[in-house]
Amino acid sequence: MDFLESVSEEQAKIDLFLRRFFNKLVNKEDNFLLKDFYGRLRDFVLSTGLAKRIRPLVLIKTFTGIALDNKIEKYLDDIYELSIAVELLHNASIIHDDVVDQDQFRRGKPTFHRLYAEMFKNFNENHYGDFKWFGNAIAIHGGDACAFLGQNLIVESKFGATKKFAALWDYTEGMNGIAHGKIIEQYGQMKSLDNITLEDYLTVSEWKTSKQFETSASIGAALANSRLSQLKPLKQAMKYIGLAYQIQNDINDSFGNPELKSIDTDIKERRRTILLITAYHNAEKTQKKQINRILNSEEQLTKEQVDFIRSIIKSTGSLEFAKLYSKNMIQHAQQELDKIYPGLSENTTEFFQNLLEFIPNRYTTI
């Protein structure tokens, strides 16, 4: 069975808990403006499209893969409700990312900052004000709100105080890690391609992407009373899964399906992806000059220039290298999962095996 088909019922259940959470939040809010805001945030998080709810699934499956049967039976609904905390953290990250990158679409729908920019254009009662500034400002606050709502979910959960503290610790470590990755990534934009390496890229990806998977698994493991012999290899596996996931994201964003998302944005924005970094370092001297002349221009890149950079990525073997590197990370993840002792339940083992197959083979349309 296809991975997405195998988890479709659980994804629907996660969405149900998300909807209940936001509806409760909207209904209890007395302030009209905040009620409107939370309603729009709910619609964005629950918008139909490509959201796969992978992170809450990792949390749930880790918990059910380690916990005793009587504990699973007692806390199953509670773990689903708590799992949406990591989905809110993920949405906080992507809302902020979209502001930084000024992306216009997310999951085939308008980004959060764009929604509010359009709102400002339609409802501003004044003759002044910048609609883009308004959209960016609300989105920054929206991302922050998502992150703190996730914390509140953990605090208000039905688990004991010790378990809540452990989960909160992992959650805040996740928030901190994402921030670290984004800060390092922004600094990297000031570096020339001569001075940025694959190691730099992997460092950012570990903080920004792997940390979310690690946070999800760590919270699930903590709530399930995991042993160190389970937690240590599990966290390592999540690191490798996150790296594979990020690499496939980069591949998809430049060589994927243009009907789902622009495949030109990463190159136009000169983003330091694994594709661009390795292509530059593998390029011949004349090709490097051409790349620098295009990317160092103050003008917006043309379609022809973007396609040229894309052709360099392919001709230097960087696209194939990225695919192979992703598959290598998948292999490392499987090796770490095999080290977990006592092992995960059969259902959770199958979930991770299907996820490992899904990332390199189905996540990209190439």
Protein backbone atom coordinates (compact mmCIF):
# COMPACT_ATOMS: atom_id res chain seq x y z
CA MET A 1 0.00 0.00 0.00
CA ASP A 2 1.19 3.54 -0.77
CA PHE A 3 2.49 5.40 2.29
CA LEU A 4 -0.07 8.21 2.09
CA GLU A 5 -2.89 5.68 1.70
CA SER A 6 -1.62 3.71 4.69
CA VAL A 7 -1.80 6.75 6.98
CA SER A 8 -4.85 8.50 5.48
CA GLU A 9 -7.18 7.56 8.36
CA GLU A 10 -4.68 8.78 10.94
CA GLN A 11 -4.10 12.00 8.99
CA ALA A 12 -7.86 12.59 8.96
CA LYS A 13 -7.96 12.02 12.73
CA ILE A 14 -5.14 14.51 13.27
CA ASP A 15 -7.03 17.04 11.15
CA LEU A 16 -10.13 16.42 13.25
CA PHE A 17 -8.22 17.22 16.43
CA LEU A 18 -6.72 20.31 14.77
CA ARG A 19 -10.17 21.53 13.77
CA ARG A 20 -11.57 20.90 17.24
CA PHE A 21 -8.64 22.74 18.81
CA PHE A 22 -9.02 25.82 16.63
CA ASN A 23 -12.82 25.87 16.86
CA LYS A 24 -12.55 25.83 20.64
CA LEU A 25 -9.98 28.63 20.46
CA VAL A 26 -12.19 30.73 18.19
CA ASN A 27 -15.37 30.13 20.18
CA LYS A 28 -13.92 31.09 23.56
CA GLU A 29 -12.28 34.30 22.23
CA ASP A 30 -14.26 37.43 23.09
CA ASN A 31 -12.16 39.88 21.11
CA PHE A 32 -13.56 40.14 17.58
CA LEU A 33 -10.17 40.78 15.97
CA LEU A 34 -8.52 37.81 17.68
CA LYS A 35 -11.51 35.64 16.82
CA ASP A 36 -11.06 36.60 13.18
CA PHE A 37 -7.31 35.99 13.37
CA TYR A 38 -7.59 32.52 14.88
CA GLY A 39 -10.25 31.63 12.33
CA ARG A 40 -7.95 32.57 9.47
CA LEU A 41 -5.04 30.74 11.10
CA ARG A 42 -7.25 27.64 11.42
CA ASP A 43 -8.20 27.83 7.75
CA PHE A 44 -4.55 28.15 6.73
CA VAL A 45 -3.35 25.20 8.83
CA LEU A 46 -6.27 23.05 7.69
CA SER A 47 -6.24 24.15 4.06
CA THR A 48 -6.55 21.22 1.68
CA GLY A 49 -3.43 20.54 -0.29
CA LEU A 50 -0.16 18.77 0.31
CA ALA A 51 0.02 18.82 4.13
CA LYS A 52 0.93 15.28 5.18
CA ARG A 53 1.01 15.67 9.00
CA ILE A 54 4.25 13.66 9.04
CA ARG A 55 5.54 15.16 12.30
CA PRO A 56 2.48 14.39 14.44
CA LEU A 57 2.42 10.93 12.86
CA VAL A 58 6.04 10.41 13.96
CA LEU A 59 5.10 11.45 17.52
CA ILE A 60 2.04 9.18 17.62
CA LYS A 61 3.80 6.18 16.08
CA THR A 62 6.78 6.56 18.41
CA PHE A 63 4.48 6.60 21.43
CA THR A 64 2.42 3.60 20.28
CA GLY A 65 5.59 1.78 19.20
CA ILE A 66 7.17 1.96 22.66
CA ALA A 67 4.39 2.30 25.27
CA LEU A 68 2.72 -0.64 26.97
CA ASP A 69 -0.69 -1.70 25.61
CA ASN A 70 -2.62 -0.51 28.69
CA LYS A 71 -0.98 2.92 28.45
CA ILE A 72 -1.77 3.19 24.73
CA GLU A 73 -5.40 2.33 25.43
CA LYS A 74 -5.60 4.93 28.21
CA TYR A 75 -3.89 7.79 26.38
CA LEU A 76 -4.58 7.21 22.67
CA ASP A 77 -6.91 10.18 22.18
CA ASP A 78 -4.69 12.31 24.40
CA ILE A 79 -1.62 11.53 22.30
CA TYR A 80 -3.47 12.48 19.11
CA GLU A 81 -4.48 15.78 20.68
CA LEU A 82 -0.97 16.47 21.97
CA SER A 83 0.58 15.51 18.61
CA ILE A 84 -0.87 18.58 16.94
CA ALA A 85 1.60 20.64 19.01
CA VAL A 86 4.40 19.62 16.65
CA GLU A 87 2.20 20.37 13.63
CA LEU A 88 1.65 23.86 15.03
CA LEU A 89 5.41 24.22 15.53
CA HIS A 90 5.93 23.15 11.91
CA ASN A 91 3.38 25.69 10.72
CA ALA A 92 5.09 28.39 12.78
CA SER A 93 8.27 27.54 10.90
CA ILE A 94 6.73 27.59 7.42
CA ILE A 95 4.77 30.80 8.03
CA HIS A 96 8.01 32.54 9.02
CA ASP A 97 9.89 30.88 6.14
CA ASP A 98 7.37 32.18 3.63
CA VAL A 99 7.80 35.73 4.97
CA VAL A 100 11.58 35.52 4.73
CA ASP A 101 11.44 34.01 1.23
CA GLN A 102 8.42 36.08 0.15
CA ASP A 103 6.83 32.96 -1.32
CA GLN A 104 3.33 33.45 -2.66
CA PHE A 105 2.06 29.87 -2.45
CA ARG A 106 2.20 27.10 0.13
CA ARG A 107 0.63 23.67 -0.49
CA GLY A 108 -0.87 25.04 -3.67
CA LYS A 109 -2.66 27.83 -1.75
CA PRO A 110 -1.74 31.47 -0.94
CA THR A 111 0.79 31.87 1.86
CA PHE A 112 -0.32 33.33 5.19
CA HIS A 113 1.36 36.70 4.63
CA ARG A 114 -0.17 36.94 1.17
CA LEU A 115 -3.66 36.25 2.56
CA TYR A 116 -3.29 39.20 4.92
CA ALA A 117 -1.74 41.40 2.28
CA GLU A 118 -4.83 40.83 0.14
CA MET A 119 -7.03 41.51 3.14
CA PHE A 120 -5.30 44.85 3.71
CA LYS A 121 -5.81 45.85 0.09
CA ASN A 122 -9.51 45.02 0.29
CA PHE A 123 -10.41 46.41 3.72
CA ASN A 124 -7.93 49.18 4.57
CA GLU A 125 -9.99 52.26 5.45
CA ASN A 126 -7.03 54.65 5.20
CA HIS A 127 -5.22 56.24 2.28
CA TYR A 128 -1.82 55.09 3.54
CA GLY A 129 -0.10 51.88 4.54
CA ASP A 130 1.79 49.17 2.69
CA PHE A 131 -0.15 45.95 2.09
CA LYS A 132 3.04 43.84 1.94
CA TRP A 133 4.28 45.23 5.26
CA PHE A 134 0.90 44.47 6.85
CA GLY A 135 0.91 40.88 5.54
CA ASN A 136 4.46 40.28 6.73
CA ALA A 137 3.75 41.73 10.18
CA ILE A 138 0.64 39.61 10.77
CA ALA A 139 2.43 36.49 9.51
CA ILE A 140 5.31 37.02 11.96
CA HIS A 141 2.79 37.26 14.79
CA GLY A 142 0.90 34.28 13.37
CA GLY A 143 3.99 32.10 13.36
CA ASP A 144 4.76 33.09 16.95
CA ALA A 145 1.16 32.32 17.94
CA CYS A 146 1.38 28.84 16.41
CA ALA A 147 4.54 28.03 18.36
CA PHE A 148 3.08 29.17 21.69
CA LEU A 149 -0.24 27.44 21.06
CA GLY A 150 1.74 24.22 20.68
CA GLN A 151 3.34 24.79 24.07
CA ASN A 152 -0.07 25.40 25.63
CA LEU A 153 -1.34 22.11 24.25
CA ILE A 154 1.39 20.23 26.09
CA VAL A 155 0.78 22.13 29.33
CA GLU A 156 -2.97 21.46 29.17
CA SER A 157 -2.60 17.76 28.24
CA LYS A 158 -3.69 14.95 30.59
CA PHE A 159 -0.23 13.52 31.13
CA GLY A 160 1.49 13.83 34.51
CA ALA A 161 3.66 16.80 35.47
CA THR A 162 6.94 14.90 34.93
CA LYS A 163 5.90 13.79 31.46
CA LYS A 164 4.70 17.29 30.57
CA PHE A 165 8.03 18.77 31.64
CA ALA A 166 9.95 16.27 29.50
CA ALA A 167 7.70 16.99 26.51
CA LEU A 168 8.00 20.76 27.01
CA TRP A 169 11.78 20.46 27.23
CA ASP A 170 11.90 18.61 23.90
CA TYR A 171 9.45 21.07 22.35
CA THR A 172 11.45 24.16 23.37
CA GLU A 173 14.65 22.45 22.22
CA GLY A 174 12.93 22.00 18.88
CA MET A 175 11.95 25.69 18.73
CA ASN A 176 15.50 26.66 19.59
CA GLY A 177 16.98 24.32 16.99
CA ILE A 178 14.75 25.65 14.20
CA ALA A 179 15.79 29.21 15.09
CA HIS A 180 19.47 28.19 15.04
CA GLY A 181 19.10 26.69 11.58
CA LYS A 182 17.31 29.72 10.15
CA ILE A 183 19.88 32.15 11.60
CA ILE A 184 22.81 30.19 10.18
CA GLU A 185 20.98 29.92 6.85
CA GLN A 186 20.53 33.69 6.67
CA TYR A 187 24.20 34.30 7.44
CA GLY A 188 25.01 31.86 4.64
CA GLN A 189 23.31 34.16 2.13
CA MET A 190 26.20 36.59 2.62
CA LYS A 191 28.80 33.98 1.70
CA SER A 192 30.01 33.53 -1.85
CA LEU A 193 29.59 30.09 -3.36
CA ASP A 194 33.36 29.72 -3.17
CA ASN A 195 33.15 29.86 0.61
CA ILE A 196 30.06 27.78 1.33
CA THR A 197 30.30 24.01 1.61
CA LEU A 198 28.14 20.92 1.69
CA GLU A 199 28.90 20.72 5.42
CA ASP A 200 27.38 24.19 5.88
CA TYR A 201 24.22 23.01 4.12
CA LEU A 202 23.98 19.86 6.23
CA THR A 203 24.42 21.85 9.44
CA VAL A 204 21.51 24.12 8.53
CA SER A 205 19.36 21.16 7.49
CA GLU A 206 20.02 19.29 10.73
CA TRP A 207 18.91 22.27 12.81
CA LYS A 208 16.04 23.42 10.62
CA THR A 209 14.52 20.16 9.38
CA SER A 210 15.95 17.16 11.24
CA LYS A 211 15.28 18.86 14.58
CA GLN A 212 11.53 18.84 13.88
CA PHE A 213 11.54 15.07 13.31
CA GLU A 214 13.76 14.57 16.36
CA THR A 215 11.45 16.71 18.49
CA SER A 216 8.39 14.73 17.41
CA ALA A 217 10.03 11.38 18.15
CA SER A 218 11.56 12.58 21.44
CA ILE A 219 8.20 13.78 22.78
CA GLY A 220 6.51 10.52 21.81
CA ALA A 221 9.34 8.52 23.38
CA ALA A 222 9.32 10.56 26.61
CA LEU A 223 5.58 10.10 27.07
CA ALA A 224 5.98 6.36 26.47
CA ASN A 225 8.74 5.90 29.09
CA SER A 226 11.39 4.97 26.53
CA ARG A 227 14.79 3.56 27.45
CA LEU A 228 18.06 5.18 26.40
CA SER A 229 18.70 2.13 24.19
CA GLN A 230 15.54 3.13 22.30
CA LEU A 231 15.83 6.92 22.39
CA LYS A 232 19.44 7.31 21.25
CA PRO A 233 19.20 5.39 17.93
CA LEU A 234 15.70 6.79 17.36
CA LYS A 235 16.99 10.37 17.50
CA GLN A 236 19.84 9.47 15.16
CA ALA A 237 17.36 7.94 12.73
CA MET A 238 15.31 11.15 12.81
CA LYS A 239 18.41 13.17 11.98
CA TYR A 240 18.96 11.13 8.83
CA ILE A 241 15.26 11.16 7.91
CA GLY A 242 15.24 14.95 8.24
CA LEU A 243 18.28 15.31 6.00
CA ALA A 244 16.76 13.05 3.34
CA TYR A 245 13.50 14.98 3.58
CA GLN A 246 15.23 18.35 3.15
CA ILE A 247 17.28 17.16 0.18
CA GLN A 248 14.14 15.84 -1.51
CA ASN A 249 12.48 19.17 -0.80
CA ASP A 250 15.32 20.93 -2.59
CA ILE A 251 15.09 18.57 -5.54
CA ASN A 252 11.34 19.04 -5.77
CA ASP A 253 11.63 22.82 -5.53
CA SER A 254 13.84 22.99 -8.63
CA PHE A 255 12.91 19.87 -10.61
CA GLY A 256 9.43 18.99 -9.36
CA ASN A 257 5.92 19.63 -10.61
CA PRO A 258 5.49 23.31 -11.59
CA GLU A 259 1.71 22.95 -11.31
CA LEU A 260 2.03 22.42 -7.55
CA LYS A 261 4.70 25.02 -6.80
CA SER A 262 7.09 27.26 -8.70
CA ILE A 263 10.27 25.38 -9.52
CA ASP A 264 12.16 28.62 -10.24
CA THR A 265 12.01 30.33 -6.84
CA ASP A 266 14.99 28.62 -5.17
CA ILE A 267 17.28 29.55 -8.05
CA LYS A 268 15.83 33.06 -8.44
CA GLU A 269 16.41 33.69 -4.73
CA ARG A 270 19.97 32.26 -4.95
CA ARG A 271 19.20 29.83 -2.12
CA ARG A 272 22.15 27.74 -0.99
CA THR A 273 20.64 24.32 -1.63
CA ILE A 274 22.60 21.10 -1.97
CA LEU A 275 22.00 21.37 -5.73
CA LEU A 276 23.52 24.83 -6.17
CA ILE A 277 26.43 24.29 -3.76
CA THR A 278 27.59 21.01 -5.31
CA ALA A 279 26.96 22.23 -8.86
CA TYR A 280 29.19 25.23 -8.30
CA HIS A 281 32.01 23.23 -6.74
CA ASN A 282 31.80 20.61 -9.50
CA ALA A 283 31.63 23.18 -12.30
CA GLU A 284 34.46 24.02 -14.66
CA LYS A 285 36.17 27.40 -14.36
CA THR A 286 34.19 28.93 -17.23
CA GLN A 287 30.92 27.60 -15.80
CA LYS A 288 31.73 29.12 -12.40
CA LYS A 289 32.23 32.50 -14.04
CA GLN A 290 28.86 32.17 -15.77
CA ILE A 291 27.15 31.16 -12.52
CA ASN A 292 28.70 34.08 -10.64
CA ARG A 293 27.82 36.56 -13.38
CA ILE A 294 24.17 35.45 -13.23
CA LEU A 295 23.78 35.13 -9.47
CA ASN A 296 25.71 38.30 -8.62
CA SER A 297 23.48 40.43 -10.82
CA GLU A 298 21.29 42.92 -8.98
CA GLU A 299 18.53 42.31 -11.50
CA GLN A 300 15.86 39.64 -11.07
CA LEU A 301 16.86 36.46 -12.87
CA THR A 302 15.15 35.76 -16.17
CA LYS A 303 13.56 32.44 -17.09
CA GLU A 304 16.49 31.77 -19.42
CA GLN A 305 19.02 32.37 -16.64
CA VAL A 306 17.13 30.12 -14.23
CA ASP A 307 17.00 27.37 -16.84
CA PHE A 308 20.73 27.79 -17.46
CA ILE A 309 21.53 27.30 -13.76
CA ARG A 310 19.22 24.29 -13.76
CA SER A 311 21.11 22.85 -16.74
CA ILE A 312 24.43 23.32 -14.89
CA ILE A 313 23.00 21.46 -11.89
CA LYS A 314 22.17 18.53 -14.16
CA SER A 315 25.32 18.58 -16.31
CA THR A 316 27.66 18.63 -13.29
CA GLY A 317 25.95 15.55 -11.87
CA SER A 318 24.69 17.49 -8.84
CA LEU A 319 21.09 16.38 -9.27
CA GLU A 320 22.11 12.72 -9.31
CA PHE A 321 24.46 13.33 -6.37
CA ALA A 322 21.60 14.84 -4.33
CA LYS A 323 19.37 11.86 -5.10
CA LEU A 324 22.10 9.43 -4.07
CA TYR A 325 22.88 11.40 -0.91
CA SER A 326 19.21 11.30 0.07
CA LYS A 327 19.10 7.54 -0.45
CA ASN A 328 22.27 7.20 1.62
CA MET A 329 20.59 9.07 4.48
CA ILE A 330 17.65 6.69 4.19
CA GLN A 331 20.00 3.73 4.56
CA HIS A 332 21.62 5.30 7.65
CA ALA A 333 18.15 5.92 9.13
CA GLN A 334 17.20 2.26 8.63
CA GLN A 335 20.43 1.12 10.30
CA GLU A 336 19.67 3.27 13.34
CA LEU A 337 16.08 2.05 13.54
CA ASP A 338 17.40 -1.51 13.53
CA LYS A 339 19.50 -0.70 16.62
CA ILE A 340 16.49 0.21 18.77
CA TYR A 341 16.19 -2.15 21.73
CA PRO A 342 13.67 -3.27 22.76
CA GLY A 343 12.40 -2.88 19.21
CA LEU A 344 9.42 -0.85 18.13
CA SER A 345 6.01 -2.45 17.66
CA GLU A 346 5.24 -4.10 14.34
CA ASN A 347 2.84 -1.32 13.32
CA THR A 348 5.37 1.43 14.06
CA THR A 349 8.19 -0.46 12.34
CA GLU A 350 6.02 -0.73 9.23
CA PHE A 351 5.20 2.99 9.44
CA PHE A 352 8.87 3.99 9.44
CA GLN A 353 9.74 1.53 6.68
CA ASN A 354 6.97 2.96 4.50
CA LEU A 355 8.12 6.50 5.30
CA LEU A 356 11.69 5.65 4.30
CA GLU A 357 10.45 4.30 0.97
CA PHE A 358 8.17 7.27 0.44
CA ILE A 359 10.75 10.04 0.86
CA PRO A 360 13.11 9.25 -2.06
CA ASN A 361 10.65 7.50 -4.38
CA ARG A 362 7.36 9.34 -4.09
CA TYR A 363 8.00 12.69 -2.50
CA THR A 364 9.57 13.97 -5.69
CA THR A 365 7.90 13.84 -9.09
CA ILE A 366 11.16 13.26 -10.98
